[in-house]
Amino acid sequence: MKSLGATLKEARELVPFTLRQVEEATGISNAYLSQLENDKIKKPSANILYKLASVYKIELNMLLSASGIIEKSTNPENADKPDNKWLNRLAFYSEDFTEQQQNEILEFIKYMKFKNKNG
């Protein structure tokens, strides 16, 4: 499992935000964020992780688990889940689309899946 710092840095870069942009969005200093990303701070408060999960559009449990605050789920159902990194990016960008546009994107995804199956 990746460290909390690596998890946070990857999530921030996927958005993509600079440390200063995260500071503006959360009120958490960029110096503190840098220390988190470099694993200098191992166990930040759950409140800090909540703010970051909200800005990065990722599950809070992922950050709580990476920090050791909660145990990582060993649920075998998670083994079949699609790449969460891709899903998080999709969720982040979907906010800017109307419902009609979201439906069109879903139809395109269905088309691509059909195309992949049928060569």
N, C-alpha and C. Protein backbone atom coordinates (compact mmCIF):
# COMPACT_ATOMS: atom_id res chain seq x y z
N MET A 1 0.84 -1.18 0.00
CA MET A 1 0.00 0.00 0.00
C MET A 1 0.88 1.24 0.00
N LYS A 2 0.46 2.25 -0.76
CA LYS A 2 1.20 3.51 -0.83
C LYS A 2 1.12 4.24 0.50
N SER A 3 2.13 5.07 0.75
CA SER A 3 2.12 5.90 1.95
C SER A 3 1.04 6.98 1.81
N LEU A 4 0.70 7.59 2.92
CA LEU A 4 -0.27 8.68 2.90
C LEU A 4 0.23 9.80 2.00
N GLY A 5 1.51 10.15 2.11
CA GLY A 5 2.06 11.23 1.31
C GLY A 5 1.96 10.95 -0.19
N ALA A 6 2.30 9.74 -0.59
CA ALA A 6 2.23 9.37 -2.01
C ALA A 6 0.78 9.39 -2.49
N THR A 7 -0.13 8.93 -1.65
CA THR A 7 -1.56 8.92 -1.99
C THR A 7 -2.07 10.34 -2.18
N LEU A 8 -1.70 11.23 -1.26
CA LEU A 8 -2.14 12.63 -1.36
C LEU A 8 -1.56 13.33 -2.58
N LYS A 9 -0.28 13.11 -2.84
CA LYS A 9 0.36 13.77 -3.98
C LYS A 9 -0.27 13.29 -5.29
N GLU A 10 -0.49 12.00 -5.41
CA GLU A 10 -1.11 11.46 -6.62
C GLU A 10 -2.51 12.04 -6.82
N ALA A 11 -3.29 12.10 -5.73
CA ALA A 11 -4.65 12.63 -5.81
C ALA A 11 -4.64 14.10 -6.21
N ARG A 12 -3.70 14.87 -5.65
CA ARG A 12 -3.61 16.30 -5.98
C ARG A 12 -3.23 16.49 -7.44
N GLU A 13 -2.31 15.71 -7.93
CA GLU A 13 -1.86 15.86 -9.31
C GLU A 13 -2.93 15.44 -10.31
N LEU A 14 -3.83 14.54 -9.90
CA LEU A 14 -4.91 14.13 -10.79
C LEU A 14 -5.94 15.23 -10.97
N VAL A 15 -6.06 16.12 -10.00
CA VAL A 15 -7.12 17.13 -10.06
C VAL A 15 -6.95 18.08 -11.24
N PRO A 16 -5.92 18.65 -11.66
CA PRO A 16 -4.63 18.89 -11.02
C PRO A 16 -4.61 20.24 -10.30
N PHE A 17 -4.04 20.23 -9.10
CA PHE A 17 -3.89 21.45 -8.30
C PHE A 17 -2.44 21.60 -7.88
N THR A 18 -2.04 22.84 -7.68
CA THR A 18 -0.76 23.11 -7.02
C THR A 18 -1.03 23.10 -5.52
N LEU A 19 0.04 23.07 -4.75
CA LEU A 19 -0.13 23.13 -3.29
C LEU A 19 -0.81 24.45 -2.88
N ARG A 20 -0.48 25.52 -3.57
CA ARG A 20 -1.10 26.81 -3.25
C ARG A 20 -2.60 26.80 -3.55
N GLN A 21 -3.00 26.16 -4.61
CA GLN A 21 -4.43 26.06 -4.93
C GLN A 21 -5.17 25.24 -3.88
N VAL A 22 -4.53 24.19 -3.39
CA VAL A 22 -5.14 23.39 -2.32
C VAL A 22 -5.23 24.22 -1.05
N GLU A 23 -4.20 25.01 -0.77
CA GLU A 23 -4.22 25.90 0.39
C GLU A 23 -5.41 26.86 0.31
N GLU A 24 -5.62 27.44 -0.86
CA GLU A 24 -6.73 28.38 -1.03
C GLU A 24 -8.08 27.68 -0.85
N ALA A 25 -8.19 26.46 -1.33
CA ALA A 25 -9.47 25.74 -1.26
C ALA A 25 -9.78 25.19 0.13
N THR A 26 -8.72 24.89 0.91
CA THR A 26 -8.94 24.21 2.19
C THR A 26 -8.57 25.03 3.41
N GLY A 27 -7.70 26.02 3.22
CA GLY A 27 -7.20 26.76 4.37
C GLY A 27 -6.04 26.07 5.06
N ILE A 28 -5.56 24.97 4.50
CA ILE A 28 -4.41 24.24 5.05
C ILE A 28 -3.16 24.81 4.37
N SER A 29 -2.18 25.22 5.17
CA SER A 29 -1.00 25.87 4.59
C SER A 29 -0.27 24.96 3.63
N ASN A 30 0.31 25.56 2.59
CA ASN A 30 1.02 24.74 1.62
C ASN A 30 2.26 24.09 2.24
N ALA A 31 2.83 24.69 3.25
CA ALA A 31 3.98 24.09 3.95
C ALA A 31 3.55 22.80 4.64
N TYR A 32 2.39 22.84 5.29
CA TYR A 32 1.85 21.64 5.96
C TYR A 32 1.52 20.58 4.91
N LEU A 33 0.90 20.99 3.79
CA LEU A 33 0.57 20.05 2.72
C LEU A 33 1.82 19.39 2.17
N SER A 34 2.89 20.18 2.01
CA SER A 34 4.15 19.64 1.52
C SER A 34 4.71 18.61 2.49
N GLN A 35 4.63 18.91 3.79
CA GLN A 35 5.09 17.95 4.80
C GLN A 35 4.27 16.66 4.76
N LEU A 36 2.97 16.79 4.53
CA LEU A 36 2.12 15.60 4.40
C LEU A 36 2.56 14.76 3.20
N GLU A 37 2.73 15.42 2.06
CA GLU A 37 3.09 14.70 0.83
C GLU A 37 4.48 14.06 0.91
N ASN A 38 5.35 14.62 1.73
CA ASN A 38 6.70 14.07 1.88
C ASN A 38 6.82 13.14 3.09
N ASP A 39 5.66 12.75 3.64
CA ASP A 39 5.58 11.82 4.77
C ASP A 39 6.33 12.28 6.01
N LYS A 40 6.45 13.60 6.16
CA LYS A 40 7.03 14.15 7.39
C LYS A 40 5.99 14.12 8.50
N ILE A 41 4.71 14.24 8.12
CA ILE A 41 3.59 14.14 9.06
C ILE A 41 2.85 12.87 8.69
N LYS A 42 2.81 11.94 9.61
CA LYS A 42 2.24 10.62 9.32
C LYS A 42 0.76 10.51 9.66
N LYS A 43 0.32 11.20 10.72
CA LYS A 43 -1.07 11.05 11.17
C LYS A 43 -1.74 12.41 11.37
N PRO A 44 -2.17 13.03 10.29
CA PRO A 44 -2.91 14.29 10.44
C PRO A 44 -4.29 14.00 11.02
N SER A 45 -4.98 15.04 11.41
CA SER A 45 -6.32 14.85 11.97
C SER A 45 -7.28 14.38 10.87
N ALA A 46 -8.34 13.74 11.30
CA ALA A 46 -9.37 13.30 10.36
C ALA A 46 -10.00 14.49 9.66
N ASN A 47 -10.06 15.63 10.35
CA ASN A 47 -10.62 16.85 9.75
C ASN A 47 -9.79 17.31 8.55
N ILE A 48 -8.47 17.27 8.69
CA ILE A 48 -7.58 17.63 7.58
C ILE A 48 -7.81 16.67 6.41
N LEU A 49 -7.88 15.38 6.71
CA LEU A 49 -8.08 14.38 5.66
C LEU A 49 -9.44 14.55 5.00
N TYR A 50 -10.44 14.92 5.78
CA TYR A 50 -11.77 15.15 5.21
C TYR A 50 -11.74 16.30 4.20
N LYS A 51 -11.07 17.40 4.58
CA LYS A 51 -10.98 18.55 3.67
C LYS A 51 -10.27 18.15 2.37
N LEU A 52 -9.18 17.40 2.50
CA LEU A 52 -8.42 17.00 1.32
C LEU A 52 -9.21 16.03 0.45
N ALA A 53 -9.89 15.09 1.08
CA ALA A 53 -10.70 14.13 0.31
C ALA A 53 -11.79 14.87 -0.46
N SER A 54 -12.36 15.89 0.15
CA SER A 54 -13.41 16.67 -0.52
C SER A 54 -12.87 17.41 -1.73
N VAL A 55 -11.72 18.05 -1.58
CA VAL A 55 -11.12 18.82 -2.67
C VAL A 55 -10.63 17.89 -3.79
N TYR A 56 -10.06 16.75 -3.40
CA TYR A 56 -9.51 15.83 -4.39
C TYR A 56 -10.55 14.88 -4.97
N LYS A 57 -11.77 14.93 -4.42
CA LYS A 57 -12.86 14.08 -4.89
C LYS A 57 -12.50 12.59 -4.79
N ILE A 58 -11.97 12.22 -3.63
CA ILE A 58 -11.65 10.82 -3.37
C ILE A 58 -12.33 10.39 -2.08
N GLU A 59 -12.37 9.10 -1.85
CA GLU A 59 -13.03 8.59 -0.65
C GLU A 59 -12.19 8.90 0.58
N LEU A 60 -12.85 9.40 1.61
CA LEU A 60 -12.17 9.70 2.87
C LEU A 60 -11.53 8.44 3.44
N ASN A 61 -12.20 7.30 3.32
CA ASN A 61 -11.66 6.05 3.87
C ASN A 61 -10.30 5.70 3.28
N MET A 62 -10.06 6.07 2.03
CA MET A 62 -8.75 5.80 1.41
C MET A 62 -7.66 6.55 2.18
N LEU A 63 -7.93 7.81 2.52
CA LEU A 63 -6.94 8.59 3.26
C LEU A 63 -6.83 8.15 4.71
N LEU A 64 -7.96 7.84 5.32
CA LEU A 64 -7.93 7.35 6.70
C LEU A 64 -7.15 6.04 6.79
N SER A 65 -7.31 5.20 5.80
CA SER A 65 -6.59 3.93 5.75
C SER A 65 -5.10 4.15 5.52
N ALA A 66 -4.76 5.02 4.56
CA ALA A 66 -3.35 5.30 4.26
C ALA A 66 -2.62 5.91 5.45
N SER A 67 -3.35 6.64 6.30
CA SER A 67 -2.73 7.26 7.48
C SER A 67 -2.69 6.32 8.67
N GLY A 68 -3.36 5.18 8.56
CA GLY A 68 -3.37 4.23 9.67
C GLY A 68 -4.44 4.52 10.70
N ILE A 69 -5.31 5.49 10.45
CA ILE A 69 -6.37 5.82 11.40
C ILE A 69 -7.41 4.70 11.43
N ILE A 70 -7.70 4.12 10.28
CA ILE A 70 -8.57 2.95 10.21
C ILE A 70 -7.84 1.86 9.44
N GLU A 71 -8.29 0.62 9.63
CA GLU A 71 -7.70 -0.48 8.90
C GLU A 71 -8.24 -0.53 7.49
N LYS A 72 -7.36 -0.88 6.56
CA LYS A 72 -7.78 -1.02 5.17
C LYS A 72 -8.72 -2.21 5.06
N SER A 73 -9.78 -2.02 4.30
CA SER A 73 -10.73 -3.09 4.08
C SER A 73 -10.08 -4.22 3.30
N THR A 74 -10.27 -5.44 3.76
CA THR A 74 -9.75 -6.59 3.03
C THR A 74 -10.90 -7.32 2.35
N ASN A 75 -11.94 -6.56 2.03
CA ASN A 75 -13.12 -7.11 1.39
C ASN A 75 -12.75 -7.62 0.00
N PRO A 76 -13.00 -8.91 -0.29
CA PRO A 76 -12.64 -9.43 -1.61
C PRO A 76 -13.42 -8.80 -2.75
N GLU A 77 -14.55 -8.16 -2.45
CA GLU A 77 -15.33 -7.50 -3.49
C GLU A 77 -14.53 -6.37 -4.14
N ASN A 78 -13.61 -5.76 -3.39
CA ASN A 78 -12.81 -4.65 -3.91
C ASN A 78 -11.84 -5.09 -4.99
N ALA A 79 -11.53 -6.39 -5.06
CA ALA A 79 -10.57 -6.87 -6.05
C ALA A 79 -11.07 -6.69 -7.47
N ASP A 80 -12.39 -6.72 -7.66
CA ASP A 80 -12.96 -6.60 -9.00
C ASP A 80 -13.33 -5.18 -9.38
N LYS A 81 -13.08 -4.22 -8.52
CA LYS A 81 -13.46 -2.84 -8.82
C LYS A 81 -12.54 -2.26 -9.89
N PRO A 82 -13.09 -1.40 -10.76
CA PRO A 82 -12.25 -0.77 -11.77
C PRO A 82 -11.25 0.18 -11.14
N ASP A 83 -10.34 0.64 -11.93
CA ASP A 83 -9.28 1.54 -11.48
C ASP A 83 -9.89 2.79 -10.85
N ASN A 84 -9.71 2.94 -9.54
CA ASN A 84 -10.29 4.08 -8.82
C ASN A 84 -9.71 5.41 -9.29
N LYS A 85 -8.48 5.41 -9.74
CA LYS A 85 -7.86 6.66 -10.22
C LYS A 85 -8.64 7.19 -11.42
N TRP A 86 -8.98 6.32 -12.34
CA TRP A 86 -9.75 6.73 -13.51
C TRP A 86 -11.15 7.18 -13.11
N LEU A 87 -11.78 6.45 -12.21
CA LEU A 87 -13.12 6.81 -11.76
C LEU A 87 -13.13 8.14 -11.02
N ASN A 88 -12.11 8.40 -10.23
CA ASN A 88 -12.02 9.68 -9.53
C ASN A 88 -11.88 10.83 -10.51
N ARG A 89 -11.10 10.65 -11.56
CA ARG A 89 -10.96 11.69 -12.57
C ARG A 89 -12.28 11.93 -13.28
N LEU A 90 -12.96 10.84 -13.61
CA LEU A 90 -14.25 10.95 -14.28
C LEU A 90 -15.25 11.70 -13.39
N ALA A 91 -15.28 11.34 -12.10
CA ALA A 91 -16.20 12.00 -11.17
C ALA A 91 -15.88 13.48 -11.03
N PHE A 92 -14.60 13.81 -10.98
CA PHE A 92 -14.20 15.21 -10.83
C PHE A 92 -14.69 16.05 -12.01
N TYR A 93 -14.49 15.56 -13.22
CA TYR A 93 -14.87 16.34 -14.40
C TYR A 93 -16.37 16.31 -14.68
N SER A 94 -17.07 15.34 -14.14
CA SER A 94 -18.50 15.21 -14.45
C SER A 94 -19.33 16.35 -13.87
N GLU A 95 -18.82 17.04 -12.87
CA GLU A 95 -19.57 18.13 -12.25
C GLU A 95 -19.86 19.26 -13.23
N ASP A 96 -19.03 19.40 -14.23
CA ASP A 96 -19.17 20.50 -15.18
C ASP A 96 -20.16 20.22 -16.31
N PHE A 97 -20.72 19.01 -16.35
CA PHE A 97 -21.60 18.62 -17.43
C PHE A 97 -23.07 18.67 -17.02
N THR A 98 -23.91 19.00 -17.98
CA THR A 98 -25.34 18.94 -17.73
C THR A 98 -25.76 17.47 -17.68
N GLU A 99 -26.98 17.22 -17.24
CA GLU A 99 -27.48 15.85 -17.19
C GLU A 99 -27.50 15.24 -18.60
N GLN A 100 -27.89 16.04 -19.59
CA GLN A 100 -27.91 15.57 -20.98
C GLN A 100 -26.50 15.17 -21.43
N GLN A 101 -25.52 16.00 -21.11
CA GLN A 101 -24.14 15.69 -21.49
C GLN A 101 -23.65 14.42 -20.77
N GLN A 102 -24.01 14.28 -19.51
CA GLN A 102 -23.62 13.07 -18.77
C GLN A 102 -24.22 11.83 -19.43
N ASN A 103 -25.48 11.93 -19.86
CA ASN A 103 -26.11 10.80 -20.54
C ASN A 103 -25.40 10.48 -21.85
N GLU A 104 -25.00 11.51 -22.58
CA GLU A 104 -24.27 11.30 -23.83
C GLU A 104 -22.93 10.62 -23.58
N ILE A 105 -22.26 11.01 -22.51
CA ILE A 105 -20.98 10.39 -22.16
C ILE A 105 -21.19 8.91 -21.82
N LEU A 106 -22.26 8.62 -21.06
CA LEU A 106 -22.57 7.22 -20.74
C LEU A 106 -22.84 6.42 -22.00
N GLU A 107 -23.56 6.99 -22.93
CA GLU A 107 -23.83 6.30 -24.19
C GLU A 107 -22.53 6.05 -24.96
N PHE A 108 -21.62 7.02 -24.92
CA PHE A 108 -20.34 6.83 -25.59
C PHE A 108 -19.55 5.71 -24.92
N ILE A 109 -19.56 5.67 -23.60
CA ILE A 109 -18.86 4.61 -22.88
C ILE A 109 -19.45 3.24 -23.23
N LYS A 110 -20.77 3.17 -23.29
CA LYS A 110 -21.42 1.91 -23.69
C LYS A 110 -21.00 1.51 -25.09
N TYR A 111 -20.95 2.49 -26.00
CA TYR A 111 -20.53 2.23 -27.37
C TYR A 111 -19.09 1.70 -27.40
N MET A 112 -18.20 2.33 -26.65
CA MET A 112 -16.81 1.90 -26.62
C MET A 112 -16.68 0.49 -26.06
N LYS A 113 -17.46 0.19 -25.04
CA LYS A 113 -17.42 -1.16 -24.46
C LYS A 113 -17.91 -2.18 -25.49
N PHE A 114 -19.00 -1.86 -26.19
CA PHE A 114 -19.53 -2.73 -27.24
C PHE A 114 -18.47 -2.93 -28.33
N LYS A 115 -17.86 -1.85 -28.73
CA LYS A 115 -16.85 -1.88 -29.79
C LYS A 115 -15.66 -2.77 -29.39
N ASN A 116 -15.24 -2.67 -28.13
CA ASN A 116 -14.12 -3.48 -27.64
C ASN A 116 -14.46 -4.97 -27.62
N LYS A 117 -15.70 -5.28 -27.26
CA LYS A 117 -16.12 -6.68 -27.18
C LYS A 117 -16.27 -7.30 -28.58
N ASN A 118 -16.70 -6.47 -29.54
CA ASN A 118 -17.01 -6.99 -30.87
C ASN A 118 -15.96 -6.67 -31.92
N GLY A 119 -14.83 -6.22 -31.44
CA GLY A 119 -13.70 -5.99 -32.31
C GLY A 119 -13.86 -4.94 -33.30
